[in-house]
Protein backbone atom coordinates (compact mmCIF):
# COMPACT_ATOMS: atom_id res chain seq x y z
CA PHE A 1 0.00 0.00 0.00
CA ILE A 2 2.72 2.48 0.97
CA LEU A 3 4.67 2.16 -2.27
CA ARG A 4 1.53 2.31 -4.40
CA ALA A 5 0.28 5.38 -2.56
CA LEU A 6 3.66 7.10 -2.92
CA ASP A 7 3.86 6.27 -6.61
CA GLN A 8 0.28 6.59 -7.83
CA GLY A 9 -1.54 8.42 -5.05
CA PHE A 10 -4.77 7.40 -3.33
CA GLY A 11 -8.24 8.63 -2.48
CA GLN A 12 -10.94 9.33 -5.03
CA TRP A 13 -10.28 8.22 -8.63
CA ASN A 14 -10.63 11.07 -11.10
CA SER A 15 -11.53 9.57 -14.46
CA SER A 16 -11.01 12.84 -16.33
CA THR A 17 -7.35 13.09 -15.24
CA THR A 18 -6.89 9.32 -14.82
CA ASN A 19 -5.22 9.94 -11.46
CA TRP A 20 -6.08 9.56 -7.80
CA ASP A 21 -6.97 12.89 -6.21
CA LEU A 22 -4.30 12.72 -3.45
CA ARG A 23 -0.73 12.53 -4.71
CA PHE A 24 2.58 13.09 -2.96
CA ASP A 25 4.98 15.81 -4.08
CA LEU A 26 8.41 14.37 -3.24
CA SER A 27 10.38 16.93 -5.22
CA SER A 28 11.69 18.73 -2.14
CA TRP A 29 13.89 15.71 -1.39
CA ASP A 30 15.15 15.22 -4.93
CA ASN A 31 18.42 17.02 -4.17
CA LEU A 32 19.25 14.38 -1.51
CA VAL A 33 19.03 11.22 -3.63
CA SER A 34 22.77 11.20 -4.38
CA THR A 35 23.53 10.99 -0.65
CA PRO A 36 21.42 8.12 0.71
CA ASP A 37 22.56 8.68 4.30
CA THR A 38 21.39 12.28 4.25
CA LEU A 39 18.15 11.30 2.50
CA VAL A 40 17.36 8.62 5.09
CA ASP A 41 18.27 10.87 8.03
CA THR A 42 16.24 13.80 6.70
CA LEU A 43 13.16 11.70 6.01
CA ALA A 44 13.45 9.87 9.35
CA LYS A 45 13.57 13.18 11.20
CA ARG A 46 10.46 14.28 9.30
CA LEU A 47 8.56 11.03 9.81
CA ILE A 48 9.59 9.96 13.32
CA GLY A 49 11.25 13.05 14.76
CA HIS A 50 14.77 11.62 15.00
CA THR A 51 17.24 9.48 13.10
CA LEU A 52 16.83 5.72 13.00
CA PRO A 53 18.79 3.44 15.35
CA ASP A 54 22.16 2.48 13.85
CA ASP A 55 21.15 -0.98 12.59
CA ALA A 56 17.90 0.18 10.97
CA ARG A 57 19.66 3.24 9.57
CA ALA A 58 22.37 1.09 7.98
CA GLN A 59 19.75 -1.21 6.42
CA ALA A 60 17.75 1.74 5.09
CA ILE A 61 20.85 3.34 3.57
CA ALA A 62 21.84 0.03 1.96
CA ALA A 63 18.35 -0.40 0.49
CA VAL A 64 18.32 3.12 -0.96
CA SER A 65 21.91 2.84 -2.22
CA ALA A 66 21.04 -0.37 -4.08
CA LEU A 67 18.66 1.51 -6.36
CA PRO A 68 20.40 2.94 -9.44
CA ILE A 69 20.38 6.60 -10.45
CA ASN A 70 22.46 6.34 -13.58
CA SER A 71 20.20 6.58 -16.61
CA SER A 72 21.17 8.86 -19.49
CA ASN A 73 17.47 9.22 -20.32
CA ALA A 74 16.00 12.19 -18.42
CA THR A 75 12.60 10.58 -17.89
CA THR A 76 14.11 7.35 -16.61
CA LEU A 77 16.55 9.25 -14.37
CA ALA A 78 13.70 11.24 -12.83
CA LYS A 79 11.84 7.98 -12.16
CA GLN A 80 14.97 6.43 -10.59
CA ARG A 81 15.42 9.47 -8.35
CA ARG A 82 11.78 9.32 -7.24
CA GLN A 83 12.10 5.59 -6.55
CA ARG A 84 14.99 6.27 -4.16
CA ILE A 85 12.86 8.72 -2.22
CA GLN A 86 9.92 6.31 -2.20
CA ALA A 87 12.15 3.46 -0.99
CA ALA A 88 13.56 5.56 1.84
CA ILE A 89 10.05 6.51 2.98
CA ALA A 90 8.80 2.92 2.71
CA VAL A 91 11.72 1.51 4.71
CA ILE A 92 11.25 4.10 7.44
CA CYS A 93 7.49 3.42 7.55
CA VAL A 94 8.03 -0.25 8.39
CA THR A 95 10.44 0.34 11.27
CA PRO A 96 9.23 -0.13 14.84
CA GLU A 97 10.12 3.52 15.49
CA PHE A 98 7.53 4.62 12.95
CA ILE A 99 4.89 2.00 13.71
CA VAL A 100 5.04 2.61 17.48
CA GLN A 101 5.67 6.31 17.78
CA GLN A 102 6.41 7.37 21.31
């Protein structure tokens, strides 16, 4: 659900635009995709109020780093960059720190 919502949106289907009416604008984090550690830390602070514990942080950084951002095609590169942001959010959203916010 999380990845689909981040990619396609959710809510009411608008048949005239062929999109869901609620969509996420992730562009403010686009400048961080080349530094996965900064991306993960920034998103974690936004989503849970602090950085992840060391082990979860390392796993999140590894997951984001595994996604390529090397296409010479501008459209594909933009999609790859967005996928890194989506992956970082998804990984943070399944951590105990996010699920059980204190």
